[in-house]
């Protein structure tokens, strides 16, 4: 699959950053999140991700549901999510899908 089929996930300045195409969606991350370490599953807007927190040396499994976030931002989740084939962790915030 081409790079344009993948979204990017990271965190910066207390926010989770989800990028796809020309869109960058930021939403509040847990206060102790250091970084996302691994994408375990992508299911059409639902992400299972491993996250490293300041209070634990071992990454923990976390869950992100983008559908309600997209709806709150007046995106049509079906239209926005359908071209995304997967998610990659990327901490180069200048990268685009």
N, C-alpha and C. Protein backbone atom coordinates (compact mmCIF):
# COMPACT_ATOMS: atom_id res chain seq x y z
N UNK A 1 0.84 -1.18 0.00
CA UNK A 1 0.00 0.00 0.00
C UNK A 1 0.88 1.24 0.00
N UNK A 2 0.48 2.24 -0.70
CA UNK A 2 1.24 3.47 -0.79
C UNK A 2 1.15 4.29 0.48
N UNK A 3 2.10 5.20 0.65
CA UNK A 3 2.13 6.04 1.84
C UNK A 3 0.85 6.86 1.97
N UNK A 4 0.22 7.21 0.84
CA UNK A 4 -1.00 8.01 0.90
C UNK A 4 -2.17 7.25 1.51
N UNK A 5 -2.02 5.95 1.72
CA UNK A 5 -3.07 5.13 2.33
C UNK A 5 -2.98 5.09 3.85
N UNK A 6 -1.91 5.66 4.40
CA UNK A 6 -1.67 5.58 5.83
C UNK A 6 -1.82 6.94 6.50
N UNK A 7 -2.38 6.89 7.70
CA UNK A 7 -2.45 8.07 8.56
C UNK A 7 -1.27 8.02 9.52
N UNK A 8 -0.94 9.15 10.11
CA UNK A 8 0.17 9.24 11.06
C UNK A 8 -0.36 9.61 12.44
N UNK A 9 0.21 8.99 13.45
CA UNK A 9 -0.18 9.24 14.83
C UNK A 9 1.05 9.60 15.65
N UNK A 10 0.91 10.62 16.49
CA UNK A 10 1.98 11.02 17.39
C UNK A 10 1.35 11.84 18.52
N UNK A 11 2.20 12.41 19.35
CA UNK A 11 1.72 13.36 20.35
C UNK A 11 2.74 14.48 20.47
N UNK A 12 2.23 15.67 20.81
CA UNK A 12 3.09 16.84 20.94
C UNK A 12 2.38 17.88 21.80
N UNK A 13 3.12 18.42 22.76
CA UNK A 13 2.62 19.52 23.59
C UNK A 13 1.29 19.22 24.26
N UNK A 14 1.12 17.99 24.75
CA UNK A 14 -0.09 17.63 25.47
C UNK A 14 -1.26 17.21 24.60
N UNK A 15 -1.02 17.06 23.31
CA UNK A 15 -2.08 16.67 22.38
C UNK A 15 -1.68 15.43 21.60
N UNK A 16 -2.66 14.61 21.28
CA UNK A 16 -2.49 13.55 20.30
C UNK A 16 -2.66 14.19 18.94
N UNK A 17 -1.82 13.81 17.99
CA UNK A 17 -1.85 14.37 16.64
C UNK A 17 -2.13 13.23 15.66
N UNK A 18 -3.21 13.36 14.89
CA UNK A 18 -3.59 12.39 13.88
C UNK A 18 -3.58 13.12 12.55
N UNK A 19 -2.75 12.67 11.61
CA UNK A 19 -2.63 13.33 10.31
C UNK A 19 -3.03 12.38 9.20
N UNK A 20 -3.81 12.90 8.27
CA UNK A 20 -4.11 12.15 7.06
C UNK A 20 -4.41 13.15 5.95
N UNK A 21 -3.74 12.97 4.82
CA UNK A 21 -3.93 13.90 3.71
C UNK A 21 -3.59 15.31 4.14
N UNK A 22 -4.47 16.22 3.88
CA UNK A 22 -4.26 17.62 4.23
C UNK A 22 -4.79 17.97 5.62
N UNK A 23 -5.26 16.98 6.36
CA UNK A 23 -5.88 17.23 7.66
C UNK A 23 -4.97 16.82 8.81
N UNK A 24 -4.89 17.69 9.79
CA UNK A 24 -4.21 17.40 11.05
C UNK A 24 -5.23 17.62 12.15
N UNK A 25 -5.52 16.56 12.88
CA UNK A 25 -6.51 16.62 13.96
C UNK A 25 -5.77 16.45 15.28
N UNK A 26 -5.95 17.42 16.15
CA UNK A 26 -5.30 17.39 17.46
C UNK A 26 -6.37 17.32 18.54
N UNK A 27 -6.13 16.46 19.53
CA UNK A 27 -7.04 16.39 20.67
C UNK A 27 -6.24 16.08 21.92
N UNK A 28 -6.77 16.50 23.04
CA UNK A 28 -6.06 16.41 24.31
C UNK A 28 -5.63 14.98 24.61
N UNK A 29 -4.36 14.82 24.97
CA UNK A 29 -3.79 13.52 25.34
C UNK A 29 -3.73 13.44 26.87
N UNK A 30 -3.62 12.24 27.42
CA UNK A 30 -3.45 12.12 28.87
C UNK A 30 -2.20 12.90 29.32
N UNK A 31 -2.27 13.52 30.48
CA UNK A 31 -1.20 14.41 30.95
C UNK A 31 0.15 13.71 31.07
N UNK A 32 0.16 12.41 31.36
CA UNK A 32 1.43 11.71 31.59
C UNK A 32 1.94 10.95 30.36
N UNK A 33 1.29 11.13 29.21
CA UNK A 33 1.72 10.44 28.00
C UNK A 33 3.09 10.97 27.55
N UNK A 34 4.05 10.06 27.41
CA UNK A 34 5.35 10.44 26.86
C UNK A 34 5.34 10.29 25.34
N UNK A 35 4.87 9.12 24.87
CA UNK A 35 4.83 8.89 23.44
C UNK A 35 4.06 7.61 23.13
N UNK A 36 3.57 7.54 21.91
CA UNK A 36 2.99 6.29 21.40
C UNK A 36 4.15 5.45 20.89
N UNK A 37 4.09 4.14 21.14
CA UNK A 37 5.22 3.28 20.77
C UNK A 37 4.89 2.26 19.69
N UNK A 38 3.62 1.90 19.55
CA UNK A 38 3.26 0.85 18.59
C UNK A 38 1.77 0.91 18.26
N UNK A 39 1.45 0.71 17.00
CA UNK A 39 0.06 0.54 16.59
C UNK A 39 -0.21 -0.95 16.57
N UNK A 40 -1.18 -1.38 17.36
CA UNK A 40 -1.50 -2.81 17.41
C UNK A 40 -2.63 -3.16 16.44
N UNK A 41 -3.57 -2.22 16.27
CA UNK A 41 -4.72 -2.50 15.41
C UNK A 41 -5.34 -1.21 14.91
N UNK A 42 -5.79 -1.24 13.67
CA UNK A 42 -6.57 -0.15 13.06
C UNK A 42 -7.86 -0.77 12.57
N UNK A 43 -8.98 -0.23 13.03
CA UNK A 43 -10.28 -0.76 12.61
C UNK A 43 -11.20 0.40 12.28
N UNK A 44 -10.97 1.00 11.11
CA UNK A 44 -11.87 2.03 10.58
C UNK A 44 -12.23 3.11 11.59
N UNK A 45 -11.21 3.69 12.20
CA UNK A 45 -11.44 4.78 13.15
C UNK A 45 -11.15 4.42 14.58
N UNK A 46 -11.00 3.15 14.85
CA UNK A 46 -10.70 2.69 16.20
C UNK A 46 -9.26 2.19 16.19
N UNK A 47 -8.43 2.76 17.07
CA UNK A 47 -7.01 2.43 17.11
C UNK A 47 -6.68 1.79 18.45
N UNK A 48 -6.01 0.66 18.40
CA UNK A 48 -5.42 0.06 19.59
C UNK A 48 -3.93 0.38 19.49
N UNK A 49 -3.41 1.06 20.51
CA UNK A 49 -2.05 1.58 20.46
C UNK A 49 -1.35 1.32 21.79
N UNK A 50 -0.05 1.11 21.72
CA UNK A 50 0.75 1.03 22.93
C UNK A 50 1.28 2.43 23.22
N UNK A 51 1.22 2.81 24.49
CA UNK A 51 1.61 4.16 24.89
C UNK A 51 2.53 4.09 26.11
N UNK A 52 3.57 4.91 26.09
CA UNK A 52 4.50 5.01 27.20
C UNK A 52 4.11 6.21 28.04
N UNK A 53 3.89 5.97 29.36
CA UNK A 53 3.52 7.01 30.30
C UNK A 53 4.64 7.24 31.30
N UNK A 54 4.69 8.42 31.88
CA UNK A 54 5.74 8.76 32.84
C UNK A 54 5.69 7.89 34.09
N UNK A 55 4.54 7.41 34.48
CA UNK A 55 4.38 6.66 35.72
C UNK A 55 4.64 5.16 35.56
N UNK A 56 5.00 4.70 34.36
CA UNK A 56 5.19 3.27 34.14
C UNK A 56 6.32 3.07 33.13
N UNK A 57 7.25 2.18 33.44
CA UNK A 57 8.36 1.93 32.51
C UNK A 57 7.93 1.05 31.34
N UNK A 58 6.84 0.33 31.50
CA UNK A 58 6.34 -0.56 30.45
C UNK A 58 5.19 0.13 29.71
N UNK A 59 5.23 0.15 28.37
CA UNK A 59 4.10 0.73 27.61
C UNK A 59 2.79 0.01 27.94
N UNK A 60 1.70 0.77 27.88
CA UNK A 60 0.37 0.26 28.19
C UNK A 60 -0.50 0.30 26.94
N UNK A 61 -1.43 -0.65 26.84
CA UNK A 61 -2.37 -0.65 25.73
C UNK A 61 -3.43 0.42 25.96
N UNK A 62 -3.67 1.22 24.93
CA UNK A 62 -4.66 2.29 24.97
C UNK A 62 -5.56 2.18 23.75
N UNK A 63 -6.67 2.89 23.80
CA UNK A 63 -7.67 2.83 22.74
C UNK A 63 -8.08 4.24 22.35
N UNK A 64 -8.10 4.50 21.07
CA UNK A 64 -8.52 5.80 20.54
C UNK A 64 -9.67 5.55 19.57
N UNK A 65 -10.80 6.20 19.82
CA UNK A 65 -11.95 6.10 18.92
C UNK A 65 -12.10 7.45 18.22
N UNK A 66 -11.75 7.49 16.95
CA UNK A 66 -11.79 8.74 16.20
C UNK A 66 -13.19 9.16 15.76
N UNK A 67 -14.13 8.22 15.70
CA UNK A 67 -15.46 8.54 15.16
C UNK A 67 -16.12 9.69 15.93
N UNK A 68 -16.23 9.66 17.25
CA UNK A 68 -16.87 10.79 17.93
C UNK A 68 -16.07 12.09 17.80
N UNK A 69 -14.76 11.98 17.73
CA UNK A 69 -13.93 13.17 17.54
C UNK A 69 -14.23 13.80 16.19
N UNK A 70 -14.27 12.97 15.15
CA UNK A 70 -14.57 13.49 13.81
C UNK A 70 -15.96 14.10 13.73
N UNK A 71 -16.94 13.45 14.35
CA UNK A 71 -18.30 14.00 14.35
C UNK A 71 -18.35 15.36 15.04
N UNK A 72 -17.62 15.51 16.14
CA UNK A 72 -17.59 16.79 16.85
C UNK A 72 -16.94 17.89 16.02
N UNK A 73 -16.09 17.50 15.09
CA UNK A 73 -15.43 18.46 14.19
C UNK A 73 -16.17 18.62 12.87
N UNK A 74 -17.37 18.03 12.79
CA UNK A 74 -18.23 18.12 11.60
C UNK A 74 -17.63 17.46 10.37
N UNK A 75 -16.85 16.41 10.59
CA UNK A 75 -16.38 15.55 9.50
C UNK A 75 -17.36 14.40 9.36
N UNK A 76 -17.53 13.91 8.14
CA UNK A 76 -18.28 12.68 7.94
C UNK A 76 -17.28 11.54 8.15
N UNK A 77 -17.41 10.78 9.26
CA UNK A 77 -16.42 9.73 9.55
C UNK A 77 -16.26 8.71 8.44
N UNK A 78 -17.34 8.30 7.80
CA UNK A 78 -17.26 7.29 6.75
C UNK A 78 -16.41 7.80 5.58
N UNK A 79 -16.67 9.01 5.14
CA UNK A 79 -15.92 9.60 4.02
C UNK A 79 -14.46 9.81 4.39
N UNK A 80 -14.20 10.34 5.58
CA UNK A 80 -12.83 10.64 6.00
C UNK A 80 -12.02 9.37 6.21
N UNK A 81 -12.60 8.36 6.84
CA UNK A 81 -11.86 7.17 7.24
C UNK A 81 -11.71 6.12 6.14
N UNK A 82 -12.61 6.09 5.18
CA UNK A 82 -12.61 5.00 4.19
C UNK A 82 -11.30 4.85 3.40
N UNK A 83 -10.58 5.91 3.04
CA UNK A 83 -9.33 5.69 2.30
C UNK A 83 -8.14 5.28 3.17
N UNK A 84 -8.29 5.33 4.49
CA UNK A 84 -7.18 5.01 5.38
C UNK A 84 -7.07 3.50 5.55
N UNK A 85 -5.94 2.96 5.15
CA UNK A 85 -5.72 1.50 5.23
C UNK A 85 -4.96 1.10 6.48
N UNK A 86 -4.33 2.06 7.14
CA UNK A 86 -3.58 1.78 8.35
C UNK A 86 -3.06 3.06 8.96
N UNK A 87 -2.45 2.92 10.13
CA UNK A 87 -1.89 4.06 10.85
C UNK A 87 -0.45 3.72 11.21
N UNK A 88 0.41 4.70 11.10
CA UNK A 88 1.82 4.56 11.48
C UNK A 88 2.15 5.62 12.52
N UNK A 89 3.05 5.27 13.42
CA UNK A 89 3.55 6.25 14.37
C UNK A 89 4.64 7.04 13.67
N UNK A 90 4.56 8.35 13.80
CA UNK A 90 5.55 9.22 13.15
C UNK A 90 5.72 10.48 14.00
N UNK A 91 6.94 10.70 14.45
CA UNK A 91 7.21 11.89 15.26
C UNK A 91 7.91 12.98 14.47
N UNK A 92 7.92 12.87 13.16
CA UNK A 92 8.40 13.95 12.29
C UNK A 92 7.16 14.73 11.87
N UNK A 93 6.88 15.83 12.57
CA UNK A 93 5.63 16.56 12.35
C UNK A 93 5.59 17.34 11.04
N UNK A 94 6.66 17.25 10.27
CA UNK A 94 6.62 17.86 8.94
C UNK A 94 6.21 16.85 7.89
N UNK A 95 6.13 15.57 8.28
CA UNK A 95 5.75 14.51 7.33
C UNK A 95 4.28 14.62 7.00
N UNK A 96 3.95 14.28 5.78
CA UNK A 96 2.55 14.24 5.32
C UNK A 96 2.30 12.88 4.72
N UNK A 97 1.04 12.44 4.79
CA UNK A 97 0.69 11.15 4.20
C UNK A 97 0.52 11.29 2.71
